[in-house]
Amino acid sequence: MAKDKFSRTKACATKTLYAVMKEMSRRGGSMPAKELYPFVNENVELTDWEKEPAGKMKYIRWTNSFQFYSIDYQKAGFIVKKNGNWYLTPEGESILKKTPEEVMNIANDAYHKWKKAREIEDNHGEEPTDNSAETNNAVNLDLLESNAREGIRQYIVAKSPYEFQDMVAGLLRAMGYHTPFVAPKGKDGGVDIIAYVDPLGAQTPRIKVQVKHKPETSIGASDIRALLGVLRAGDIALFVTSGTFSPDAKNTSTTSPQFIRLIDGDDFIDMWTEYYDKMTDDDKNMLPLKRISFLGSNE
């Protein structure tokens, strides 16, 4: 069945969302939320009308429509928003073979089916207005989350390697482990922290932890193998980095007969947030957080 001609708002979202999906594909499948708006402003031809602020809240029209219709793309399974990043799914990658208008129609249909299944009144095809708290909230919530997370990341980046090591030890203590050994400056023999499940270290497993403060670096497989090489009976391994792990490193960890858990920079922030309330005041002060509540969304 033929679709009606797109409104200016929907046409704007069609081209901007498609451009972002193409860019995510080019980058390997993801993009920080904080880079979405600059990318569109620099790479998508926008009309004067689309660049105008509108309504009482003075949101820029294209950013409003972009966030408003991104919910459709989520419900269609084309994109995932998580931890201040947007991710392109395999379904999103394959749908890029179609035209931007075809992608929008498929996403729109998916949203309507999702709404209908929950017996919620469907007025999503209407023009976004300032009277919709949910819509206005969606415009800024992703950006707020992204900015907050980036602030935490930059705070970690500014730490020295030994300060980051102490933060990892503090996180382990909040999780209920005992950390009698945290390596001093100098050679560490391949282990930066040893954590026990009991105060004496008599019970297994004993956790040997390697910490790398390399926020702009991807840890390779050789580092993973080096840590696995120091394990003894009753040991398990934990490798924590403020950066990322290469695909080879991840493959090495999953195929190893010895247990090893990899925690990258994003995982560390998630875990620090999760266990923050269980930390001592001294440990909290290594990366202090401020709890702020925003109007949320069920999307």
C-alpha atoms as a PDB file:
ATOM      1  CA  MET A   1       0.000   0.000   0.000  1.00  0.00           C
ATOM      2  CA  ALA A   2       1.377   3.402  -0.967  1.00  0.00           C
ATOM      3  CA  LYS A   3       2.333   5.744   1.827  1.00  0.00           C
ATOM      4  CA  ASP A   4       1.182   9.338   2.146  1.00  0.00           C
ATOM      5  CA  LYS A   5       3.656  12.058   1.283  1.00  0.00           C
ATOM      6  CA  PHE A   6       5.899  12.786   4.233  1.00  0.00           C
ATOM      7  CA  SER A   7       5.398  15.950   6.247  1.00  0.00           C
ATOM      8  CA  ARG A   8       8.366  18.306   6.503  1.00  0.00           C
ATOM      9  CA  THR A   9       9.075  17.008  10.010  1.00  0.00           C
ATOM     10  CA  LYS A  10       9.022  13.369   8.958  1.00  0.00           C
ATOM     11  CA  ALA A  11      11.053  14.059   5.809  1.00  0.00           C
ATOM     12  CA  CYS A  12      13.691  15.779   7.944  1.00  0.00           C
ATOM     13  CA  ALA A  13      13.907  12.827  10.320  1.00  0.00           C
ATOM     14  CA  THR A  14      14.107  10.459   7.357  1.00  0.00           C
ATOM     15  CA  LYS A  15      17.258  11.994   5.937  1.00  0.00           C
ATOM     16  CA  THR A  16      19.004  12.735   9.230  1.00  0.00           C
ATOM     17  CA  LEU A  17      18.438   9.298  10.756  1.00  0.00           C
ATOM     18  CA  TYR A  18      19.490   7.569   7.550  1.00  0.00           C
ATOM     19  CA  ALA A  19      22.679   9.650   7.401  1.00  0.00           C
ATOM     20  CA  VAL A  20      23.528   8.747  11.000  1.00  0.00           C
ATOM     21  CA  MET A  21      22.915   5.042  10.360  1.00  0.00           C
ATOM     22  CA  LYS A  22      25.234   5.185   7.336  1.00  0.00           C
ATOM     23  CA  GLU A  23      27.900   6.900   9.438  1.00  0.00           C
ATOM     24  CA  MET A  24      27.560   4.305  12.201  1.00  0.00           C
ATOM     25  CA  SER A  25      28.030   1.610   9.581  1.00  0.00           C
ATOM     26  CA  ARG A  26      31.148   3.371   8.289  1.00  0.00           C
ATOM     27  CA  ARG A  27      32.557   3.576  11.830  1.00  0.00           C
ATOM     28  CA  GLY A  28      32.032  -0.098  12.523  1.00  0.00           C
ATOM     29  CA  GLY A  29      28.576   0.020  14.056  1.00  0.00           C
ATOM     30  CA  SER A  30      28.437   2.662  16.774  1.00  0.00           C
ATOM     31  CA  MET A  31      28.630   6.376  17.499  1.00  0.00           C
ATOM     32  CA  PRO A  32      28.740   8.442  20.704  1.00  0.00           C
ATOM     33  CA  ALA A  33      25.459  10.289  21.200  1.00  0.00           C
ATOM     34  CA  LYS A  34      27.359  13.536  21.767  1.00  0.00           C
ATOM     35  CA  GLU A  35      28.668  13.343  18.177  1.00  0.00           C
ATOM     36  CA  LEU A  36      25.278  12.882  16.489  1.00  0.00           C
ATOM     37  CA  TYR A  37      24.231  16.516  16.336  1.00  0.00           C
ATOM     38  CA  PRO A  38      27.620  17.858  15.187  1.00  0.00           C
ATOM     39  CA  PHE A  39      27.768  15.166  12.507  1.00  0.00           C
ATOM     40  CA  VAL A  40      24.321  16.029  11.132  1.00  0.00           C
ATOM     41  CA  ASN A  41      25.023  19.771  11.222  1.00  0.00           C
ATOM     42  CA  GLU A  42      28.239  19.291   9.272  1.00  0.00           C
ATOM     43  CA  ASN A  43      27.227  16.562   6.832  1.00  0.00           C
ATOM     44  CA  VAL A  44      23.495  16.790   6.108  1.00  0.00           C
ATOM     45  CA  GLU A  45      21.970  19.546   4.017  1.00  0.00           C
ATOM     46  CA  LEU A  46      19.382  21.194   6.252  1.00  0.00           C
ATOM     47  CA  THR A  47      16.843  23.789   5.211  1.00  0.00           C
ATOM     48  CA  ASP A  48      16.449  27.104   6.999  1.00  0.00           C
ATOM     49  CA  TRP A  49      13.126  25.851   8.346  1.00  0.00           C
ATOM     50  CA  GLU A  50      14.740  22.709   9.757  1.00  0.00           C
ATOM     51  CA  LYS A  51      17.420  24.771  11.510  1.00  0.00           C
ATOM     52  CA  GLU A  52      14.943  27.157  13.134  1.00  0.00           C
ATOM     53  CA  PRO A  53      14.069  27.013  16.849  1.00  0.00           C
ATOM     54  CA  ALA A  54      10.359  26.366  17.332  1.00  0.00           C
ATOM     55  CA  GLY A  55       7.772  26.305  20.095  1.00  0.00           C
ATOM     56  CA  LYS A  56       7.935  27.555  23.650  1.00  0.00           C
ATOM     57  CA  MET A  57      11.005  25.449  24.422  1.00  0.00           C
ATOM     58  CA  LYS A  58      12.834  26.725  21.314  1.00  0.00           C
ATOM     59  CA  TYR A  59      14.123  23.318  20.276  1.00  0.00           C
ATOM     60  CA  ILE A  60      15.777  23.239  16.868  1.00  0.00           C
ATOM     61  CA  ARG A  61      13.282  21.620  14.530  1.00  0.00           C
ATOM     62  CA  TRP A  62      15.581  18.993  13.064  1.00  0.00           C
ATOM     63  CA  THR A  63      16.846  17.808  16.476  1.00  0.00           C
ATOM     64  CA  ASN A  64      13.263  17.508  17.697  1.00  0.00           C
ATOM     65  CA  SER A  65      12.158  15.391  14.738  1.00  0.00           C
ATOM     66  CA  PHE A  66      15.391  13.376  14.845  1.00  0.00           C
ATOM     67  CA  GLN A  67      14.839  12.265  18.445  1.00  0.00           C
ATOM     68  CA  PHE A  68      11.082  11.925  18.015  1.00  0.00           C
ATOM     69  CA  TYR A  69      11.337   9.445  15.139  1.00  0.00           C
ATOM     70  CA  SER A  70      14.418   7.651  16.477  1.00  0.00           C
ATOM     71  CA  ILE A  71      11.977   5.774  18.722  1.00  0.00           C
ATOM     72  CA  ASP A  72      10.522   4.165  15.585  1.00  0.00           C
ATOM     73  CA  TYR A  73      13.986   2.991  14.552  1.00  0.00           C
ATOM     74  CA  GLN A  74      14.512   1.512  17.997  1.00  0.00           C
ATOM     75  CA  LYS A  75      11.220  -0.374  17.873  1.00  0.00           C
ATOM     76  CA  ALA A  76      12.122  -1.678  14.417  1.00  0.00           C
ATOM     77  CA  GLY A  77      15.360  -3.019  15.867  1.00  0.00           C
ATOM     78  CA  PHE A  78      17.607  -0.873  13.663  1.00  0.00           C
ATOM     79  CA  ILE A  79      19.381   1.022  16.451  1.00  0.00           C
ATOM     80  CA  VAL A  80      20.088   0.579  20.153  1.00  0.00           C
ATOM     81  CA  LYS A  81      20.808   3.440  22.570  1.00  0.00           C
ATOM     82  CA  LYS A  82      22.991   2.479  25.513  1.00  0.00           C
ATOM     83  CA  ASN A  83      25.538   4.096  27.813  1.00  0.00           C
ATOM     84  CA  GLY A  84      25.685   7.349  25.889  1.00  0.00           C
ATOM     85  CA  ASN A  85      26.198   5.600  22.553  1.00  0.00           C
ATOM     86  CA  TRP A  86      24.075   4.636  19.565  1.00  0.00           C
ATOM     87  CA  TYR A  87      24.616   1.183  18.063  1.00  0.00           C
ATOM     88  CA  LEU A  88      23.631  -0.070  14.612  1.00  0.00           C
ATOM     89  CA  THR A  89      22.170  -3.588  14.792  1.00  0.00           C
ATOM     90  CA  PRO A  90      22.648  -6.252  12.094  1.00  0.00           C
ATOM     91  CA  GLU A  91      19.059  -5.493  11.053  1.00  0.00           C
ATOM     92  CA  GLY A  92      19.949  -1.823  10.794  1.00  0.00           C
ATOM     93  CA  GLU A  93      22.997  -2.639   8.689  1.00  0.00           C
ATOM     94  CA  SER A  94      21.009  -4.749   6.238  1.00  0.00           C
ATOM     95  CA  ILE A  95      18.162  -2.222   5.935  1.00  0.00           C
ATOM     96  CA  LEU A  96      20.598   0.367   4.554  1.00  0.00           C
ATOM     97  CA  LYS A  97      20.253  -1.363   1.191  1.00  0.00           C
ATOM     98  CA  LYS A  98      16.845   0.312   0.976  1.00  0.00           C
ATOM     99  CA  THR A  99      16.090   3.994   0.365  1.00  0.00           C
ATOM    100  CA  PRO A 100      15.778   6.389   3.324  1.00  0.00           C
ATOM    101  CA  GLU A 101      12.018   6.640   2.717  1.00  0.00           C
ATOM    102  CA  GLU A 102      11.612   2.856   2.702  1.00  0.00           C
ATOM    103  CA  VAL A 103      13.551   2.600   5.963  1.00  0.00           C
ATOM    104  CA  MET A 104      11.320   5.227   7.570  1.00  0.00           C
ATOM    105  CA  ASN A 105       8.148   3.448   6.418  1.00  0.00           C
ATOM    106  CA  ILE A 106       9.325   0.123   7.835  1.00  0.00           C
ATOM    107  CA  ALA A 107      10.344   1.763  11.108  1.00  0.00           C
ATOM    108  CA  ASN A 108       7.037   3.642  11.300  1.00  0.00           C
ATOM    109  CA  ASP A 109       5.085   0.403  10.803  1.00  0.00           C
ATOM    110  CA  ALA A 110       7.112  -1.302  13.530  1.00  0.00           C
ATOM    111  CA  TYR A 111       6.339   1.512  15.946  1.00  0.00           C
ATOM    112  CA  HIS A 112       2.604   1.381  15.208  1.00  0.00           C
ATOM    113  CA  LYS A 113       2.531  -2.402  15.706  1.00  0.00           C
ATOM    114  CA  TRP A 114       4.340  -1.993  19.021  1.00  0.00           C
ATOM    115  CA  LYS A 115       1.843   0.640  20.147  1.00  0.00           C
ATOM    116  CA  LYS A 116      -1.153  -1.382  19.031  1.00  0.00           C
ATOM    117  CA  ALA A 117       0.081  -4.486  20.849  1.00  0.00           C
ATOM    118  CA  ARG A 118      -0.036  -2.537  24.094  1.00  0.00           C
ATOM    119  CA  GLU A 119      -3.404  -0.975  23.370  1.00  0.00           C
ATOM    120  CA  ILE A 120      -2.047   2.521  23.744  1.00  0.00           C
ATOM    121  CA  GLU A 121      -3.597   5.363  21.823  1.00  0.00           C
ATOM    122  CA  ASP A 122      -1.430   5.962  18.765  1.00  0.00           C
ATOM    123  CA  ASN A 123      -0.907   9.555  17.848  1.00  0.00           C
ATOM    124  CA  HIS A 124       2.776   9.222  16.916  1.00  0.00           C
ATOM    125  CA  GLY A 125       2.226  10.332  13.346  1.00  0.00           C
ATOM    126  CA  GLU A 126       1.247  13.817  14.493  1.00  0.00           C
ATOM    127  CA  GLU A 127       3.603  16.760  14.502  1.00  0.00           C
ATOM    128  CA  PRO A 128       5.613  16.936  17.738  1.00  0.00           C
ATOM    129  CA  THR A 129       4.405  19.768  19.960  1.00  0.00           C
ATOM    130  CA  ASP A 130       5.545  21.491  23.122  1.00  0.00           C
ATOM    131  CA  ASN A 131       2.556  19.943  24.895  1.00  0.00           C
ATOM    132  CA  SER A 132       4.182  16.502  24.752  1.00  0.00           C
ATOM    133  CA  ALA A 133       6.448  16.165  27.792  1.00  0.00           C
ATOM    134  CA  GLU A 134       7.596  12.765  26.580  1.00  0.00           C
ATOM    135  CA  THR A 135       8.661  14.102  23.201  1.00  0.00           C
ATOM    136  CA  ASN A 136      10.478  17.122  24.589  1.00  0.00           C
ATOM    137  CA  ASN A 137      12.209  14.900  27.127  1.00  0.00           C
ATOM    138  CA  ALA A 138      13.403  12.523  24.417  1.00  0.00           C
ATOM    139  CA  VAL A 139      15.026  15.417  22.565  1.00  0.00           C
ATOM    140  CA  ASN A 140      17.485  16.100  25.389  1.00  0.00           C
ATOM    141  CA  LEU A 141      17.719  12.949  27.513  1.00  0.00           C
ATOM    142  CA  ASP A 142      20.195  11.113  25.260  1.00  0.00           C
ATOM    143  CA  LEU A 143      22.414  14.174  25.091  1.00  0.00           C
ATOM    144  CA  LEU A 144      22.269  14.725  28.850  1.00  0.00           C
ATOM    145  CA  GLU A 145      23.233  11.111  29.502  1.00  0.00           C
ATOM    146  CA  SER A 146      26.024  11.296  26.954  1.00  0.00           C
ATOM    147  CA  ASN A 147      27.435  14.509  28.447  1.00  0.00           C
ATOM    148  CA  ALA A 148      27.273  13.116  31.977  1.00  0.00           C
ATOM    149  CA  ARG A 149      29.047   9.922  30.950  1.00  0.00           C
ATOM    150  CA  GLU A 150      31.687  11.842  29.021  1.00  0.00           C
ATOM    151  CA  GLY A 151      32.351  13.956  32.110  1.00  0.00           C
ATOM    152  CA  ILE A 152      32.950  10.802  34.158  1.00  0.00           C
ATOM    153  CA  ARG A 153      35.181   9.356  31.440  1.00  0.00           C
ATOM    154  CA  GLN A 154      37.316  12.497  31.267  1.00  0.00           C
ATOM    155  CA  TYR A 155      37.688  12.482  35.059  1.00  0.00           C
ATOM    156  CA  ILE A 156      39.044   8.927  34.813  1.00  0.00           C
ATOM    157  CA  VAL A 157      41.313   9.849  31.892  1.00  0.00           C
ATOM    158  CA  ALA A 158      42.947  12.547  34.048  1.00  0.00           C
ATOM    159  CA  LYS A 159      43.890  10.004  36.718  1.00  0.00           C
ATOM    160  CA  SER A 160      47.372   8.526  36.912  1.00  0.00           C
ATOM    161  CA  PRO A 161      47.803   4.765  36.327  1.00  0.00           C
ATOM    162  CA  TYR A 162      48.218   4.193  40.065  1.00  0.00           C
ATOM    163  CA  GLU A 163      45.137   6.261  40.895  1.00  0.00           C
ATOM    164  CA  PHE A 164      43.106   4.204  38.427  1.00  0.00           C
ATOM    165  CA  GLN A 165      44.521   1.036  39.992  1.00  0.00           C
ATOM    166  CA  ASP A 166      43.335   2.246  43.404  1.00  0.00           C
ATOM    167  CA  MET A 167      39.897   2.919  41.939  1.00  0.00           C
ATOM    168  CA  VAL A 168      39.693  -0.665  40.684  1.00  0.00           C
ATOM    169  CA  ALA A 169      40.624  -1.909  44.156  1.00  0.00           C
ATOM    170  CA  GLY A 170      37.934   0.352  45.661  1.00  0.00           C
ATOM    171  CA  LEU A 171      35.345  -1.082  43.285  1.00  0.00           C
ATOM    172  CA  LEU A 172      36.289  -4.629  44.264  1.00  0.00           C
ATOM    173  CA  ARG A 173      35.905  -3.765  47.948  1.00  0.00           C
ATOM    174  CA  ALA A 174      32.442  -2.341  47.257  1.00  0.00           C
ATOM    175  CA  MET A 175      31.583  -5.658  45.605  1.00  0.00           C
ATOM    176  CA  GLY A 176      32.487  -7.472  48.820  1.00  0.00           C
ATOM    177  CA  TYR A 177      36.043  -8.596  48.078  1.00  0.00           C
ATOM    178  CA  HIS A 178      39.114  -8.103  50.231  1.00  0.00           C
ATOM    179  CA  THR A 179      42.151  -6.460  48.634  1.00  0.00           C
ATOM    180  CA  PRO A 180      45.220  -7.111  50.806  1.00  0.00           C
ATOM    181  CA  PHE A 181      47.588  -6.563  47.885  1.00  0.00           C
ATOM    182  CA  VAL A 182      47.598  -3.508  45.639  1.00  0.00           C
ATOM    183  CA  ALA A 183      50.878  -3.221  43.772  1.00  0.00           C
ATOM    184  CA  PRO A 184      53.158  -0.309  44.705  1.00  0.00           C
ATOM    185  CA  LYS A 185      55.020   1.651  42.059  1.00  0.00           C
ATOM    186  CA  GLY A 186      57.495  -0.466  40.166  1.00  0.00           C
ATOM    187  CA  LYS A 187      57.347  -3.931  38.659  1.00  0.00           C
ATOM    188  CA  ASP A 188      54.262  -5.878  39.658  1.00  0.00           C
ATOM    189  CA  GLY A 189      55.026  -9.312  38.262  1.00  0.00           C
ATOM    190  CA  GLY A 190      52.003  -9.138  35.976  1.00  0.00           C
ATOM    191  CA  VAL A 191      49.491  -8.695  38.818  1.00  0.00           C
ATOM    192  CA  ASP A 192      48.342  -5.305  40.117  1.00  0.00           C
ATOM    193  CA  ILE A 193      45.727  -6.409  42.648  1.00  0.00           C
ATOM    194  CA  ILE A 194      44.969  -9.652  44.441  1.00  0.00           C
ATOM    195  CA  ALA A 195      41.430  -9.960  45.774  1.00  0.00           C
ATOM    196  CA  TYR A 196      40.025 -12.578  48.157  1.00  0.00           C
ATOM    197  CA  VAL A 197      36.480 -13.670  48.929  1.00  0.00           C
ATOM    198  CA  ASP A 198      37.374 -13.971  52.635  1.00  0.00           C
ATOM    199  CA  PRO A 199      39.651 -11.881  54.884  1.00  0.00           C
ATOM    200  CA  LEU A 200      42.386 -14.544  55.107  1.00  0.00           C
ATOM    201  CA  GLY A 201      42.424 -15.591  51.499  1.00  0.00           C
ATOM    202  CA  ALA A 202      41.834 -19.203  52.486  1.00  0.00           C
ATOM    203  CA  GLN A 203      38.849 -19.678  50.215  1.00  0.00           C
ATOM    204  CA  THR A 204      38.883 -19.925  46.454  1.00  0.00           C
ATOM    205  CA  PRO A 205      38.674 -18.394  44.006  1.00  0.00           C
ATOM    206  CA  ARG A 206      41.482 -15.916  44.456  1.00  0.00           C
ATOM    207  CA  ILE A 207      41.328 -13.121  41.920  1.00  0.00           C
ATOM    208  CA  LYS A 208      44.444 -11.863  40.190  1.00  0.00           C
ATOM    209  CA  VAL A 209      43.829  -8.489  38.599  1.00  0.00           C
ATOM    210  CA  GLN A 210      45.743  -6.711  35.851  1.00  0.00           C
ATOM    211  CA  VAL A 211      44.939  -2.990  35.446  1.00  0.00           C
ATOM    212  CA  LYS A 212      45.834  -0.901  32.400  1.00  0.00           C
ATOM    213  CA  HIS A 213      45.104   2.810  32.369  1.00  0.00           C
ATOM    214  CA  LYS A 214      45.153   3.357  28.616  1.00  0.00           C
ATOM    215  CA  PRO A 215      41.897   5.180  27.815  1.00  0.00           C
ATOM    216  CA  GLU A 216      42.699   5.670  24.123  1.00  0.00           C
ATOM    217  CA  THR A 217      44.187   2.208  23.552  1.00  0.00           C
ATOM    218  CA  SER A 218      42.747  -1.170  22.633  1.00  0.00           C
ATOM    219  CA  ILE A 219      44.287  -3.958  24.719  1.00  0.00           C
ATOM    220  CA  GLY A 220      45.628  -6.833  22.616  1.00  0.00           C
ATOM    221  CA  ALA A 221      45.569 -10.601  23.005  1.00  0.00           C
ATOM    222  CA  SER A 222      49.196 -10.768  24.204  1.00  0.00           C
ATOM    223  CA  ASP A 223      48.282  -8.861  27.384  1.00  0.00           C
ATOM    224  CA  ILE A 224      45.462 -11.305  28.070  1.00  0.00           C
ATOM    225  CA  ARG A 225      47.741 -14.308  27.586  1.00  0.00           C
ATOM    226  CA  ALA A 226      50.350 -12.763  29.900  1.00  0.00           C
ATOM    227  CA  LEU A 227      47.824 -12.500  32.728  1.00  0.00           C
ATOM    228  CA  LEU A 228      46.562 -16.029  32.149  1.00  0.00           C
ATOM    229  CA  GLY A 229      50.167 -17.198  32.406  1.00  0.00           C
ATOM    230  CA  VAL A 230      50.478 -16.195  36.081  1.00  0.00           C
ATOM    231  CA  LEU A 231      47.372 -18.064  37.239  1.00  0.00           C
ATOM    232  CA  ARG A 232      47.738 -21.009  39.596  1.00  0.00           C
ATOM    233  CA  ALA A 233      45.295 -23.551  40.995  1.00  0.00           C
ATOM    234  CA  GLY A 234      42.366 -21.745  42.620  1.00  0.00           C
ATOM    235  CA  ASP A 235      42.999 -18.493  40.736  1.00  0.00           C
ATOM    236  CA  ILE A 236      40.784 -16.620  38.306  1.00  0.00           C
ATOM    237  CA  ALA A 237      41.749 -13.550  36.305  1.00  0.00           C
ATOM    238  CA  LEU A 238      40.292 -10.074  35.965  1.00  0.00           C
ATOM    239  CA  PHE A 239      41.633  -7.619  33.404  1.00  0.00           C
ATOM    240  CA  VAL A 240      40.486  -4.003  33.778  1.00  0.00           C
ATOM    241  CA  THR A 241      41.260  -1.237  31.311  1.00  0.00           C
ATOM    242  CA  SER A 242      40.106   2.357  31.045  1.00  0.00           C
ATOM    243  CA  GLY A 243      40.128   1.835  27.267  1.00  0.00           C
ATOM    244  CA  THR A 244      38.857  -1.057  25.157  1.00  0.00           C
ATOM    245  CA  PHE A 245      39.767  -4.610  24.189  1.00  0.00           C
ATOM    246  CA  SER A 246      40.613  -5.717  20.671  1.00  0.00           C
ATOM    247  CA  PRO A 247      38.533  -8.475  19.018  1.00  0.00           C
ATOM    248  CA  ASP A 248      41.537 -10.817  19.373  1.00  0.00           C
ATOM    249  CA  ALA A 249      41.732 -10.077  23.091  1.00  0.00           C
ATOM    250  CA  LYS A 250      38.044 -10.855  23.526  1.00  0.00           C
ATOM    251  CA  ASN A 251      38.407 -14.063  21.536  1.00  0.00           C
ATOM    252  CA  THR A 252      41.392 -15.117  23.652  1.00  0.00           C
ATOM    253  CA  SER A 253      39.380 -14.599  26.844  1.00  0.00           C
ATOM    254  CA  THR A 254      36.342 -16.546  25.643  1.00  0.00           C
ATOM    255  CA  THR A 255      38.362 -19.498  24.318  1.00  0.00           C
ATOM    256  CA  SER A 256      40.684 -19.784  27.324  1.00  0.00           C
ATOM    257  CA  PRO A 257      40.215 -22.879  29.509  1.00  0.00           C
ATOM    258  CA  GLN A 258      40.974 -20.616  32.492  1.00  0.00           C
ATOM    259  CA  PHE A 259      38.369 -18.119  33.637  1.00  0.00           C
ATOM    260  CA  ILE A 260      39.113 -14.486  32.862  1.00  0.00           C
ATOM    261  CA  ARG A 261      36.747 -11.521  32.983  1.00  0.00           C
ATOM    262  CA  LEU A 262      37.409  -8.443  30.857  1.00  0.00           C
ATOM    263  CA  ILE A 263      36.180  -5.031  32.062  1.00  0.00           C
ATOM    264  CA  ASP A 264      36.598  -2.109  29.688  1.00  0.00           C
ATOM    265  CA  GLY A 265      36.132   1.599  30.326  1.00  0.00           C
ATOM    266  CA  ASP A 266      32.363   1.566  29.770  1.00  0.00           C
ATOM    267  CA  ASP A 267      31.942  -1.508  31.984  1.00  0.00           C
ATOM    268  CA  PHE A 268      33.981   0.160  34.721  1.00  0.00           C
ATOM    269  CA  ILE A 269      31.769   3.255  34.729  1.00  0.00           C
ATOM    270  CA  ASP A 270      28.639   1.084  34.860  1.00  0.00           C
ATOM    271  CA  MET A 271      29.992  -0.948  37.767  1.00  0.00           C
ATOM    272  CA  TRP A 272      31.259   2.099  39.658  1.00  0.00           C
ATOM    273  CA  THR A 273      27.780   3.618  39.387  1.00  0.00           C
ATOM    274  CA  GLU A 274      26.096   0.371  40.440  1.00  0.00           C
ATOM    275  CA  TYR A 275      28.240  -0.185  43.546  1.00  0.00           C
ATOM    276  CA  TYR A 276      28.855   3.450  44.464  1.00  0.00           C
ATOM    277  CA  ASP A 277      26.474   3.464  47.421  1.00  0.00           C
ATOM    278  CA  LYS A 278      28.315   0.507  48.984  1.00  0.00           C
ATOM    279  CA  MET A 279      31.706   2.260  48.968  1.00  0.00           C
ATOM    280  CA  THR A 280      33.437   3.904  51.888  1.00  0.00           C
ATOM    281  CA  ASP A 281      33.665   7.680  51.785  1.00  0.00           C
ATOM    282  CA  ASP A 282      37.383   7.479  50.985  1.00  0.00           C
ATOM    283  CA  ASP A 283      36.755   5.217  48.004  1.00  0.00           C
ATOM    284  CA  LYS A 284      33.858   7.369  46.788  1.00  0.00           C
ATOM    285  CA  ASN A 285      36.143  10.387  46.770  1.00  0.00           C
ATOM    286  CA  MET A 286      38.321   8.786  44.095  1.00  0.00           C
ATOM    287  CA  LEU A 287      35.429   9.290  41.650  1.00  0.00           C
ATOM    288  CA  PRO A 288      32.604  11.185  43.358  1.00  0.00           C
ATOM    289  CA  LEU A 289      29.186  11.006  41.747  1.00  0.00           C
ATOM    290  CA  LYS A 290      26.193  13.297  42.095  1.00  0.00           C
ATOM    291  CA  ARG A 291      22.776  11.677  41.800  1.00  0.00           C
ATOM    292  CA  ILE A 292      20.421  13.808  39.702  1.00  0.00           C
ATOM    293  CA  SER A 293      16.963  12.765  38.594  1.00  0.00           C
ATOM    294  CA  PHE A 294      15.531  13.660  35.179  1.00  0.00           C
ATOM    295  CA  LEU A 295      12.119  13.022  33.726  1.00  0.00           C
ATOM    296  CA  GLY A 296      12.460   9.574  32.197  1.00  0.00           C
ATOM    297  CA  SER A 297      10.818   7.646  29.419  1.00  0.00           C
ATOM    298  CA  ASN A 298       9.565   4.103  28.883  1.00  0.00           C
ATOM    299  CA  GLU A 299      11.231   4.025  25.476  1.00  0.00           C
END
